[in-house]
Amino acid sequence: MTARLNPIRVASVPAGHPYVRSVAPGPEAAHILPDPELGRPPGQWWPPALLDPQYLFAALDGFDLLHVHFGLESVPTPQLVEALALVRAAGHPIVFTVHDLENPQLTDQALHRAQLDVMIGAADELITLTPGAAAEIEARWGRIATVVPHPRMAEHHPVVVRVPDARPRVGAHLRDLRPNIDALAVARSLAAAAGALAAAGRPVDAVLRLDERVRDRAVAAELELVVREHPAVTLERGPRQGDAALERWIAGLDVAVMPYSHGTHSGWAELCWDLGAVVVDDGHGYIAEQLRDGVVVAGSGEAPEAVLDRALPLATAPGSPERSAVVAERRARREAERAAIAEAHSAVYHRALRSSVHN
């Protein structure tokens, strides 16, 4: 087959997300088209215009391949079916990265399951992030997904001043209380762990961070009551942090606790890992498969303080030379993986263009 001379024009849903930018092949292999400008606030790509049949019909000649990542929850399923049919009728292949077998933006997963059926059935090629997710995709849909690991998430170099003899800092960031953030459970778990460790003469600073604007005000109010009843835990509340401030907050943790009730993969866990914090995962989805080290998985029914007992010896103090060494080593590993991740996506795109494999 004659080699392709021009970069593949990829219509990505979305294009401007940090993950998408990180995995994109080089410009000689693929040109990721920018998100459509439709008078939205800067950075807002949802709902995705490329899954709006009216917009899509006029844009079909402008790309070679559609790659869907995120945003299905904002698209009615019949509209999704119509949009994908337009792409197929135009002769363009479809690539779908299965980030979420459970959608973190939804509580009721019925819509997501239906949309997974549509997307996985229509896609010429599938990508996912872990072998566990790939095995589940094969078991449920009989499709083979290419496993490509998550890329580096940290984009800044936060400076944290070391505090001599500081107590270990254990934290969970609850953000804006999206549906898969189990704020009350993680608050009670941290309180129990901090209290037990203090009683054993090994105190920690336990901290929760919450945005001022949240999706569930009732849960936020109850969370404040829980914290008032447990002085071992501090609740920080403020405006939504920009990327640099967020990375600085995470870099100040010894241990980062994942606050999820459900989910499949986590870019947040990857960010914490990049910044050197030990990740505590409660076992939802395949987060532990994403991280080859620096992660502790809570056992079923395991006491919260026992989980921290396993995590704290792995931790390095924020701002210490030991933390700097961990961060540098992880950055080097990420850099070594970057070319392979880009090449894997390029190979998927070329296979999709050569084939029309779909149910």
Protein backbone atom coordinates (compact mmCIF):
# COMPACT_ATOMS: atom_id res chain seq x y z
CA MET A 1 0.00 0.00 0.00
CA THR A 2 1.25 3.47 -0.86
CA ALA A 3 2.41 5.40 2.19
CA ARG A 4 0.27 8.34 3.16
CA LEU A 5 2.03 11.59 2.31
CA ASN A 6 -0.09 14.04 4.30
CA PRO A 7 -0.87 13.99 8.02
CA ILE A 8 -4.16 12.36 8.97
CA ARG A 9 -6.77 15.02 9.73
CA VAL A 10 -8.28 13.87 13.02
CA ALA A 11 -11.57 15.27 14.28
CA SER A 12 -11.19 14.62 17.99
CA VAL A 13 -13.98 14.76 20.58
CA PRO A 14 -12.62 16.79 22.26
CA ALA A 15 -9.38 18.26 20.91
CA GLY A 16 -8.31 20.68 23.64
CA HIS A 17 -8.30 18.28 26.61
CA PRO A 18 -4.83 17.80 28.21
CA TYR A 19 -5.04 14.03 27.76
CA VAL A 20 -5.78 14.36 24.05
CA ARG A 21 -2.90 16.78 23.56
CA SER A 22 -0.57 14.39 25.38
CA VAL A 23 -1.33 11.29 23.30
CA ALA A 24 -1.51 12.93 19.88
CA PRO A 25 0.94 11.69 17.26
CA GLY A 26 3.44 14.22 15.99
CA PRO A 27 2.34 16.77 13.36
CA GLU A 28 4.01 14.78 10.59
CA ALA A 29 1.65 11.87 11.33
CA ALA A 30 -1.62 13.50 12.39
CA HIS A 31 -3.20 16.92 12.58
CA ILE A 32 -5.67 17.14 15.47
CA LEU A 33 -8.26 19.67 14.35
CA PRO A 34 -9.16 22.28 16.98
CA ASP A 35 -12.48 22.17 18.79
CA PRO A 36 -15.13 24.06 16.82
CA GLU A 37 -15.53 27.67 17.87
CA LEU A 38 -19.21 28.21 18.49
CA GLY A 39 -19.21 31.24 20.76
CA ARG A 40 -18.58 29.16 23.89
CA PRO A 41 -16.38 30.24 26.79
CA PRO A 42 -12.68 29.48 26.21
CA GLY A 43 -11.90 25.85 26.95
CA GLN A 44 -15.51 24.64 26.88
CA TRP A 45 -15.81 21.87 24.31
CA TRP A 46 -19.07 20.33 25.52
CA PRO A 47 -21.57 19.43 24.27
CA PRO A 48 -19.40 18.22 21.38
CA ALA A 49 -20.35 19.89 18.11
CA LEU A 50 -18.81 17.03 16.14
CA LEU A 51 -21.58 14.77 17.47
CA ASP A 52 -24.28 17.24 16.39
CA PRO A 53 -25.50 15.94 13.00
CA GLN A 54 -26.34 19.43 11.72
CA TYR A 55 -22.85 20.74 12.41
CA LEU A 56 -21.19 17.48 11.43
CA PHE A 57 -22.82 17.29 8.00
CA ALA A 58 -21.20 20.57 6.99
CA ALA A 59 -17.81 19.51 8.42
CA LEU A 60 -17.45 16.03 6.91
CA ASP A 61 -15.08 17.07 4.14
CA GLY A 62 -12.69 18.65 6.64
CA PHE A 63 -11.39 15.49 8.32
CA ASP A 64 -10.24 11.96 7.57
CA LEU A 65 -11.02 10.19 10.84
CA LEU A 66 -13.21 10.71 13.92
CA HIS A 67 -11.70 9.94 17.32
CA VAL A 68 -14.10 10.05 20.28
CA HIS A 69 -12.76 10.35 23.84
CA PHE A 70 -15.11 12.16 26.23
CA GLY A 71 -18.47 13.91 26.33
CA LEU A 72 -20.99 11.25 25.37
CA GLU A 73 -23.15 12.01 28.42
CA SER A 74 -24.12 15.34 26.85
CA VAL A 75 -25.37 13.71 23.61
CA PRO A 76 -28.79 11.99 23.32
CA THR A 77 -28.31 8.42 22.12
CA PRO A 78 -30.43 8.80 18.93
CA GLN A 79 -28.33 11.85 18.02
CA LEU A 80 -25.15 9.84 18.58
CA VAL A 81 -26.43 7.07 16.30
CA GLU A 82 -27.27 9.63 13.59
CA ALA A 83 -23.89 11.34 13.87
CA LEU A 84 -21.93 8.11 13.60
CA ALA A 85 -24.02 7.04 10.61
CA LEU A 86 -23.08 10.28 8.85
CA VAL A 87 -19.40 9.64 9.50
CA ARG A 88 -19.64 6.09 8.20
CA ALA A 89 -21.60 7.18 5.11
CA ALA A 90 -18.85 9.66 4.31
CA GLY A 91 -16.32 6.83 4.40
CA HIS A 92 -14.49 8.07 7.48
CA PRO A 93 -13.33 5.53 10.07
CA ILE A 94 -14.12 5.91 13.75
CA VAL A 95 -11.75 5.40 16.68
CA PHE A 96 -13.10 5.25 20.23
CA THR A 97 -10.98 5.38 23.37
CA VAL A 98 -12.86 3.57 26.11
CA HIS A 99 -11.85 5.65 29.10
CA ASP A 100 -14.93 4.85 31.15
CA LEU A 101 -16.83 1.61 31.45
CA GLU A 102 -18.63 3.48 34.22
CA ASN A 103 -19.14 7.17 33.56
CA PRO A 104 -17.91 9.34 36.46
CA GLN A 105 -20.27 12.13 35.40
CA LEU A 106 -23.35 9.94 35.89
CA THR A 107 -24.94 8.08 38.78
CA ASP A 108 -27.40 6.03 36.71
CA GLN A 109 -25.27 4.18 34.15
CA ALA A 110 -28.10 3.14 31.82
CA LEU A 111 -27.41 5.95 29.34
CA HIS A 112 -23.69 5.24 29.36
CA ARG A 113 -24.18 1.52 28.81
CA ALA A 114 -26.42 2.21 25.83
CA GLN A 115 -23.90 4.64 24.37
CA LEU A 116 -21.04 2.20 24.88
CA ASP A 117 -23.05 -0.33 22.85
CA VAL A 118 -23.41 2.24 20.07
CA MET A 119 -19.82 3.48 20.10
CA ILE A 120 -18.13 0.10 20.44
CA GLY A 121 -20.37 -1.32 17.74
CA ALA A 122 -19.58 1.51 15.33
CA ALA A 123 -15.85 1.96 15.96
CA ASP A 124 -13.27 0.58 13.55
CA GLU A 125 -10.64 0.63 16.29
CA LEU A 126 -10.81 0.71 20.08
CA ILE A 127 -8.23 1.98 22.55
CA THR A 128 -8.27 1.64 26.32
CA LEU A 129 -5.81 2.30 29.13
CA THR A 130 -5.37 -0.97 31.02
CA PRO A 131 -5.37 -4.73 30.40
CA GLY A 132 -8.26 -5.13 32.86
CA ALA A 133 -10.47 -2.75 30.89
CA ALA A 134 -9.46 -4.45 27.63
CA ALA A 135 -10.43 -7.84 29.04
CA GLU A 136 -13.80 -6.49 30.15
CA ILE A 137 -14.41 -4.98 26.69
CA GLU A 138 -13.62 -8.31 25.03
CA ALA A 139 -15.87 -10.20 27.46
CA ARG A 140 -18.82 -7.81 27.06
CA TRP A 141 -18.62 -6.89 23.37
CA GLY A 142 -16.27 -9.39 21.75
CA ARG A 143 -13.99 -6.58 20.59
CA ILE A 144 -10.24 -6.26 20.96
CA ALA A 145 -9.00 -2.91 22.31
CA THR A 146 -5.43 -1.71 21.93
CA VAL A 147 -4.01 -0.97 25.38
CA VAL A 148 -2.13 2.33 25.48
CA PRO A 149 -1.04 3.61 28.90
CA HIS A 150 -2.05 7.01 30.23
CA PRO A 151 0.47 9.78 29.54
CA ARG A 152 1.95 12.28 31.96
CA MET A 153 -0.62 14.68 33.38
CA ALA A 154 1.50 17.19 35.33
CA GLU A 155 2.36 20.24 33.26
CA HIS A 156 4.06 22.43 35.87
CA HIS A 157 6.95 22.24 38.30
CA PRO A 158 5.38 23.16 41.64
CA VAL A 159 7.76 24.32 44.34
CA VAL A 160 6.90 23.16 47.85
CA VAL A 161 8.90 24.42 50.81
CA ARG A 162 9.86 21.61 53.14
CA VAL A 163 8.67 22.00 56.71
CA PRO A 164 11.10 20.25 59.10
CA ASP A 165 9.47 17.61 61.31
CA ALA A 166 6.08 18.22 59.68
CA ARG A 167 3.45 15.56 60.23
CA PRO A 168 2.58 13.54 57.11
CA ARG A 169 -0.13 15.27 55.10
CA VAL A 170 -2.91 13.00 53.82
CA GLY A 171 -5.51 14.56 51.56
CA ALA A 172 -8.43 14.07 49.22
CA HIS A 173 -9.54 16.69 46.70
CA LEU A 174 -13.32 16.60 46.26
CA ARG A 175 -13.38 19.22 43.50
CA ASP A 176 -16.96 20.23 42.62
CA LEU A 177 -18.62 17.03 43.89
CA ARG A 178 -19.22 15.40 40.54
CA PRO A 179 -21.38 12.27 40.78
CA ASN A 180 -18.60 9.76 41.43
CA ILE A 181 -17.03 11.74 44.30
CA ASP A 182 -18.04 9.99 47.53
CA ALA A 183 -17.30 12.99 49.75
CA LEU A 184 -18.99 11.85 52.93
CA ALA A 185 -17.46 8.38 52.85
CA VAL A 186 -13.94 9.68 52.30
CA ALA A 187 -14.36 12.33 55.02
CA ARG A 188 -15.46 9.73 57.56
CA SER A 189 -12.72 7.35 56.48
CA LEU A 190 -10.03 10.01 56.83
CA ALA A 191 -11.41 11.06 60.20
CA ALA A 192 -11.34 7.49 61.47
CA ALA A 193 -7.81 6.92 60.20
CA ALA A 194 -6.47 10.20 61.56
CA GLY A 195 -8.07 9.61 64.94
CA ALA A 196 -6.71 6.09 65.24
CA LEU A 197 -3.20 7.10 64.21
CA ALA A 198 -3.21 10.02 66.65
CA ALA A 199 -4.27 7.69 69.46
CA ALA A 200 -1.36 5.44 68.52
CA GLY A 201 1.08 8.35 68.75
CA ARG A 202 1.52 8.73 64.98
CA PRO A 203 -0.53 11.81 64.08
CA VAL A 204 -1.12 12.95 60.52
CA ASP A 205 -2.60 16.10 59.03
CA ALA A 206 -5.77 15.00 57.22
CA VAL A 207 -7.17 17.55 54.77
CA LEU A 208 -10.10 17.74 52.36
CA ARG A 209 -10.27 20.32 49.58
CA LEU A 210 -13.63 21.43 48.14
CA ASP A 211 -14.47 24.00 45.47
CA GLU A 212 -16.72 26.91 46.44
CA ARG A 213 -19.12 26.10 43.61
CA VAL A 214 -20.36 22.52 43.82
CA ARG A 215 -22.91 20.39 42.05
CA ASP A 216 -24.54 19.14 45.25
CA ARG A 217 -25.01 21.79 47.93
CA ALA A 218 -26.74 19.38 50.30
CA VAL A 219 -23.74 17.06 50.32
CA ALA A 220 -21.40 20.04 50.79
CA ALA A 221 -23.42 21.19 53.81
CA GLU A 222 -23.41 17.69 55.32
CA LEU A 223 -19.68 17.45 54.67
CA GLU A 224 -19.07 20.59 56.70
CA LEU A 225 -21.06 19.07 59.57
CA VAL A 226 -19.02 15.86 59.43
CA VAL A 227 -15.77 17.80 59.56
CA ARG A 228 -16.94 19.91 62.50
CA GLU A 229 -17.61 16.69 64.40
CA HIS A 230 -14.13 15.34 63.61
CA PRO A 231 -11.41 17.87 64.47
CA ALA A 232 -8.74 15.50 63.13
CA VAL A 233 -9.79 16.53 59.59
CA THR A 234 -9.48 19.99 58.05
CA LEU A 235 -11.76 21.17 55.27
CA GLU A 236 -10.30 23.72 52.86
CA ARG A 237 -12.81 25.46 50.63
CA GLY A 238 -12.05 28.01 47.95
CA PRO A 239 -12.40 28.94 44.29
CA ARG A 240 -11.72 26.29 41.68
CA GLN A 241 -7.96 26.00 41.41
CA GLY A 242 -6.13 26.61 38.17
CA ASP A 243 -3.77 23.91 36.96
CA ALA A 244 -0.65 25.37 38.58
CA ALA A 245 -2.33 25.90 41.96
CA LEU A 246 -3.88 22.44 41.82
CA GLU A 247 -0.53 20.80 41.15
CA ARG A 248 1.02 22.77 44.01
CA TRP A 249 -1.72 21.51 46.36
CA ILE A 250 -1.17 17.88 45.34
CA ALA A 251 2.61 18.25 45.55
CA GLY A 252 2.14 19.24 49.19
CA LEU A 253 0.66 15.84 50.06
CA ASP A 254 2.46 12.77 51.30
CA VAL A 255 -0.54 10.60 50.45
CA ALA A 256 -3.41 11.33 48.05
CA VAL A 257 -6.65 9.44 48.69
CA MET A 258 -8.89 8.75 45.71
CA PRO A 259 -12.47 9.73 46.70
CA TYR A 260 -14.46 7.70 44.20
CA SER A 261 -17.71 5.76 44.46
CA HIS A 262 -17.39 4.30 40.96
CA GLY A 263 -15.31 4.65 37.82
CA THR A 264 -12.85 2.88 35.53
CA HIS A 265 -9.69 4.94 35.10
CA SER A 266 -8.41 8.14 36.70
CA GLY A 267 -6.38 10.96 35.25
CA TRP A 268 -6.39 12.40 38.77
CA ALA A 269 -4.48 9.39 40.10
CA GLU A 270 -1.98 9.82 37.27
CA LEU A 271 -1.51 13.49 38.21
CA CYS A 272 -0.91 12.61 41.87
CA TRP A 273 1.60 9.97 40.81
CA ASP A 274 3.44 12.44 38.57
CA LEU A 275 3.81 14.78 41.54
CA GLY A 276 5.21 12.11 43.84
CA ALA A 277 2.28 11.52 46.21
CA VAL A 278 1.45 7.96 47.21
CA VAL A 279 -1.96 7.07 45.78
CA VAL A 280 -4.55 5.29 47.94
CA ASP A 281 -7.11 3.56 45.74
CA ASP A 282 -10.27 2.00 47.13
CA GLY A 283 -10.46 -0.57 44.37
CA HIS A 284 -12.93 0.94 41.92
CA GLY A 285 -12.15 0.14 38.30
CA TYR A 286 -8.58 -0.34 37.12
CA ILE A 287 -6.71 2.55 38.74
CA ALA A 288 -4.21 0.18 40.34
CA GLU A 289 -3.35 -1.19 36.88
CA GLN A 290 -2.59 2.31 35.65
CA LEU A 291 0.20 2.83 38.20
CA ARG A 292 3.06 0.36 38.35
CA ASP A 293 4.19 1.52 41.78
CA GLY A 294 3.41 4.14 44.40
CA VAL A 295 -0.18 2.94 44.83
CA VAL A 296 -1.87 1.17 47.75
CA VAL A 297 -5.21 -0.57 47.19
CA ALA A 298 -7.54 -0.73 50.17
CA GLY A 299 -8.70 -4.24 50.94
CA SER A 300 -12.38 -5.03 51.35
CA GLY A 301 -13.32 -4.15 54.91
CA GLU A 302 -9.78 -3.01 55.75
CA ALA A 303 -9.63 -0.37 58.50
CA PRO A 304 -8.74 3.09 57.13
CA GLU A 305 -5.78 3.42 59.51
CA ALA A 306 -4.44 0.07 58.29
CA VAL A 307 -4.50 1.35 54.73
CA LEU A 308 -2.54 4.44 55.76
CA ASP A 309 -0.17 2.21 57.73
CA ARG A 310 0.74 0.63 54.40
CA ALA A 311 0.83 3.90 52.45
CA LEU A 312 2.84 6.15 54.78
CA PRO A 313 6.10 4.14 54.68
CA LEU A 314 6.11 4.56 50.89
CA ALA A 315 5.73 8.34 51.09
CA THR A 316 8.38 11.00 50.69
CA ALA A 317 8.04 14.35 52.42
CA PRO A 318 6.87 17.25 50.22
CA GLY A 319 9.79 19.52 49.36
CA SER A 320 12.40 16.96 50.41
CA PRO A 321 15.32 15.75 48.26
CA GLU A 322 13.72 12.31 48.36
CA ARG A 323 10.50 13.67 46.84
CA SER A 324 12.47 15.53 44.18
CA ALA A 325 14.22 12.30 43.24
CA VAL A 326 10.90 10.42 42.97
CA VAL A 327 9.39 13.13 40.78
CA ALA A 328 12.46 13.26 38.53
CA GLU A 329 12.52 9.49 38.10
CA ARG A 330 8.82 9.40 37.23
CA ARG A 331 9.19 12.26 34.78
CA ALA A 332 12.00 10.34 33.04
CA ARG A 333 9.80 7.27 32.79
CA ARG A 334 6.99 9.34 31.30
CA GLU A 335 9.34 10.91 28.77
CA ALA A 336 10.53 7.47 27.73
CA GLU A 337 6.92 6.37 27.17
CA ARG A 338 5.78 9.45 25.28
CA ALA A 339 7.03 8.47 21.84
CA ALA A 340 5.60 4.96 22.18
CA ILE A 341 2.18 6.35 23.16
CA ALA A 342 2.14 8.68 20.16
CA GLU A 343 3.28 5.90 17.84
CA ALA A 344 0.59 3.56 19.16
CA HIS A 345 -2.10 6.13 18.33
CA SER A 346 -0.61 6.68 14.89
CA ALA A 347 -0.68 2.93 14.24
CA VAL A 348 -4.34 2.73 15.33
CA TYR A 349 -5.24 5.59 12.99
CA HIS A 350 -3.54 3.91 10.04
CA ARG A 351 -5.24 0.58 10.76
CA ALA A 352 -8.59 2.31 10.98
CA LEU A 353 -8.03 3.99 7.63
CA ARG A 354 -7.13 0.68 6.04
CA SER A 355 -10.13 -1.20 7.33
CA SER A 356 -13.85 -0.90 7.90
CA VAL A 357 -14.21 -3.38 10.77
CA HIS A 358 -17.47 -2.73 12.61
CA ASN A 359 -20.50 -4.74 13.61
